[in-house]
């Protein structure tokens, strides 16, 4: 069996998403934290690369696209909340 770079991207992507979820459940990460969101976004990108350059599957691609967009939304929302919190502390 031959593994290509996009296969490895997919496996690493799946590992990142599952590890992020495990760490969330183990209370090691917060759902609104940047690390959690980055793990999900990078994981989704890895799986999407494996789908684009390997065996394409529309349902799996759509799910990963949604995962990516939700992760980006979470990172943007977290950045906005951090900015608001800093501004609230200013005199």
C-alpha atoms as a PDB file:
ATOM      1  CA  UNK A   1       0.000   0.000   0.000  1.00  0.00           C
ATOM      2  CA  UNK A   2       1.382   3.385  -1.021  1.00  0.00           C
ATOM      3  CA  UNK A   3       0.785   6.479   1.081  1.00  0.00           C
ATOM      4  CA  UNK A   4       0.900   9.843  -0.626  1.00  0.00           C
ATOM      5  CA  UNK A   5       1.267  13.257   1.021  1.00  0.00           C
ATOM      6  CA  UNK A   6      -2.496  13.823   0.821  1.00  0.00           C
ATOM      7  CA  UNK A   7      -3.118  10.528   2.631  1.00  0.00           C
ATOM      8  CA  UNK A   8      -0.873  11.699   5.467  1.00  0.00           C
ATOM      9  CA  UNK A   9      -2.630  15.095   5.477  1.00  0.00           C
ATOM     10  CA  UNK A  10      -5.940  13.287   5.933  1.00  0.00           C
ATOM     11  CA  UNK A  11      -4.717  11.043   8.731  1.00  0.00           C
ATOM     12  CA  UNK A  12      -3.117  13.948  10.566  1.00  0.00           C
ATOM     13  CA  UNK A  13      -6.289  15.987  10.040  1.00  0.00           C
ATOM     14  CA  UNK A  14      -8.462  13.263  11.535  1.00  0.00           C
ATOM     15  CA  UNK A  15      -6.029  12.900  14.440  1.00  0.00           C
ATOM     16  CA  UNK A  16      -6.152  16.656  15.130  1.00  0.00           C
ATOM     17  CA  UNK A  17      -9.953  16.801  15.117  1.00  0.00           C
ATOM     18  CA  UNK A  18     -10.306  13.742  17.345  1.00  0.00           C
ATOM     19  CA  UNK A  19      -7.569  14.903  19.715  1.00  0.00           C
ATOM     20  CA  UNK A  20      -9.201  18.336  19.993  1.00  0.00           C
ATOM     21  CA  UNK A  21     -12.526  16.725  20.849  1.00  0.00           C
ATOM     22  CA  UNK A  22     -10.911  14.394  23.391  1.00  0.00           C
ATOM     23  CA  UNK A  23      -9.057  17.284  25.061  1.00  0.00           C
ATOM     24  CA  UNK A  24     -12.294  19.260  25.189  1.00  0.00           C
ATOM     25  CA  UNK A  25     -14.097  16.361  26.874  1.00  0.00           C
ATOM     26  CA  UNK A  26     -11.184  15.878  29.285  1.00  0.00           C
ATOM     27  CA  UNK A  27     -11.421  19.590  30.209  1.00  0.00           C
ATOM     28  CA  UNK A  28      -7.886  20.210  28.985  1.00  0.00           C
ATOM     29  CA  UNK A  29      -9.058  22.724  26.354  1.00  0.00           C
ATOM     30  CA  UNK A  30     -11.890  25.223  26.243  1.00  0.00           C
ATOM     31  CA  UNK A  31     -14.333  25.131  23.335  1.00  0.00           C
ATOM     32  CA  UNK A  32     -13.855  28.824  22.698  1.00  0.00           C
ATOM     33  CA  UNK A  33     -10.063  28.677  23.012  1.00  0.00           C
ATOM     34  CA  UNK A  34      -7.749  29.421  20.118  1.00  0.00           C
ATOM     35  CA  UNK A  35      -5.868  26.098  20.360  1.00  0.00           C
ATOM     36  CA  UNK A  36      -9.091  24.086  20.140  1.00  0.00           C
ATOM     37  CA  UNK A  37     -10.291  26.102  17.158  1.00  0.00           C
ATOM     38  CA  UNK A  38      -6.918  25.868  15.380  1.00  0.00           C
ATOM     39  CA  UNK A  39      -6.803  22.107  15.854  1.00  0.00           C
ATOM     40  CA  UNK A  40     -10.248  21.826  14.263  1.00  0.00           C
ATOM     41  CA  UNK A  41      -9.472  24.188  11.379  1.00  0.00           C
ATOM     42  CA  UNK A  42      -6.138  22.529  10.572  1.00  0.00           C
ATOM     43  CA  UNK A  43      -7.717  19.106  10.930  1.00  0.00           C
ATOM     44  CA  UNK A  44     -10.491  20.019   8.500  1.00  0.00           C
ATOM     45  CA  UNK A  45      -7.942  21.384   6.014  1.00  0.00           C
ATOM     46  CA  UNK A  46      -5.960  18.135   6.220  1.00  0.00           C
ATOM     47  CA  UNK A  47      -9.025  16.000   5.548  1.00  0.00           C
ATOM     48  CA  UNK A  48     -10.110  18.329   2.726  1.00  0.00           C
ATOM     49  CA  UNK A  49      -6.682  18.005   1.094  1.00  0.00           C
ATOM     50  CA  UNK A  50      -6.925  14.231   1.246  1.00  0.00           C
ATOM     51  CA  UNK A  51     -10.344  14.423  -0.405  1.00  0.00           C
ATOM     52  CA  UNK A  52      -9.281  16.893  -3.088  1.00  0.00           C
ATOM     53  CA  UNK A  53      -6.130  15.041  -4.125  1.00  0.00           C
ATOM     54  CA  UNK A  54      -7.214  11.501  -3.282  1.00  0.00           C
ATOM     55  CA  UNK A  55     -10.620   9.882  -3.527  1.00  0.00           C
ATOM     56  CA  UNK A  56     -13.183  12.678  -3.607  1.00  0.00           C
ATOM     57  CA  UNK A  57     -16.361  12.275  -1.589  1.00  0.00           C
ATOM     58  CA  UNK A  58     -18.923  15.108  -1.647  1.00  0.00           C
ATOM     59  CA  UNK A  59     -20.618  14.414   1.709  1.00  0.00           C
ATOM     60  CA  UNK A  60     -17.284  14.182   3.527  1.00  0.00           C
ATOM     61  CA  UNK A  61     -16.014  17.314   1.766  1.00  0.00           C
ATOM     62  CA  UNK A  62     -19.131  19.301   2.683  1.00  0.00           C
ATOM     63  CA  UNK A  63     -18.812  18.204   6.302  1.00  0.00           C
ATOM     64  CA  UNK A  64     -15.163  19.280   6.438  1.00  0.00           C
ATOM     65  CA  UNK A  65     -15.971  22.587   4.743  1.00  0.00           C
ATOM     66  CA  UNK A  66     -18.629  23.227   7.393  1.00  0.00           C
ATOM     67  CA  UNK A  67     -16.136  22.210  10.130  1.00  0.00           C
ATOM     68  CA  UNK A  68     -13.593  24.639   8.656  1.00  0.00           C
ATOM     69  CA  UNK A  69     -16.065  27.535   8.431  1.00  0.00           C
ATOM     70  CA  UNK A  70     -17.371  26.946  11.962  1.00  0.00           C
ATOM     71  CA  UNK A  71     -13.789  26.859  13.266  1.00  0.00           C
ATOM     72  CA  UNK A  72     -12.951  30.118  11.495  1.00  0.00           C
ATOM     73  CA  UNK A  73     -16.131  31.653  12.906  1.00  0.00           C
ATOM     74  CA  UNK A  74     -15.111  30.487  16.388  1.00  0.00           C
ATOM     75  CA  UNK A  75     -11.646  32.013  16.043  1.00  0.00           C
ATOM     76  CA  UNK A  76     -13.092  35.323  14.801  1.00  0.00           C
ATOM     77  CA  UNK A  77     -15.665  35.375  17.598  1.00  0.00           C
ATOM     78  CA  UNK A  78     -12.983  34.626  20.186  1.00  0.00           C
ATOM     79  CA  UNK A  79     -10.766  37.419  18.849  1.00  0.00           C
ATOM     80  CA  UNK A  80     -13.710  39.817  18.978  1.00  0.00           C
ATOM     81  CA  UNK A  81     -14.494  38.883  22.572  1.00  0.00           C
ATOM     82  CA  UNK A  82     -10.849  39.302  23.599  1.00  0.00           C
ATOM     83  CA  UNK A  83     -10.797  42.777  21.989  1.00  0.00           C
ATOM     84  CA  UNK A  84     -14.011  43.718  23.788  1.00  0.00           C
ATOM     85  CA  UNK A  85     -12.621  42.505  27.099  1.00  0.00           C
ATOM     86  CA  UNK A  86      -9.414  44.558  26.620  1.00  0.00           C
ATOM     87  CA  UNK A  87     -11.419  47.655  25.737  1.00  0.00           C
ATOM     88  CA  UNK A  88     -13.630  47.212  28.798  1.00  0.00           C
ATOM     89  CA  UNK A  89     -10.538  47.244  31.012  1.00  0.00           C
ATOM     90  CA  UNK A  90      -9.202  50.488  29.532  1.00  0.00           C
ATOM     91  CA  UNK A  91      -9.834  53.632  31.578  1.00  0.00           C
END
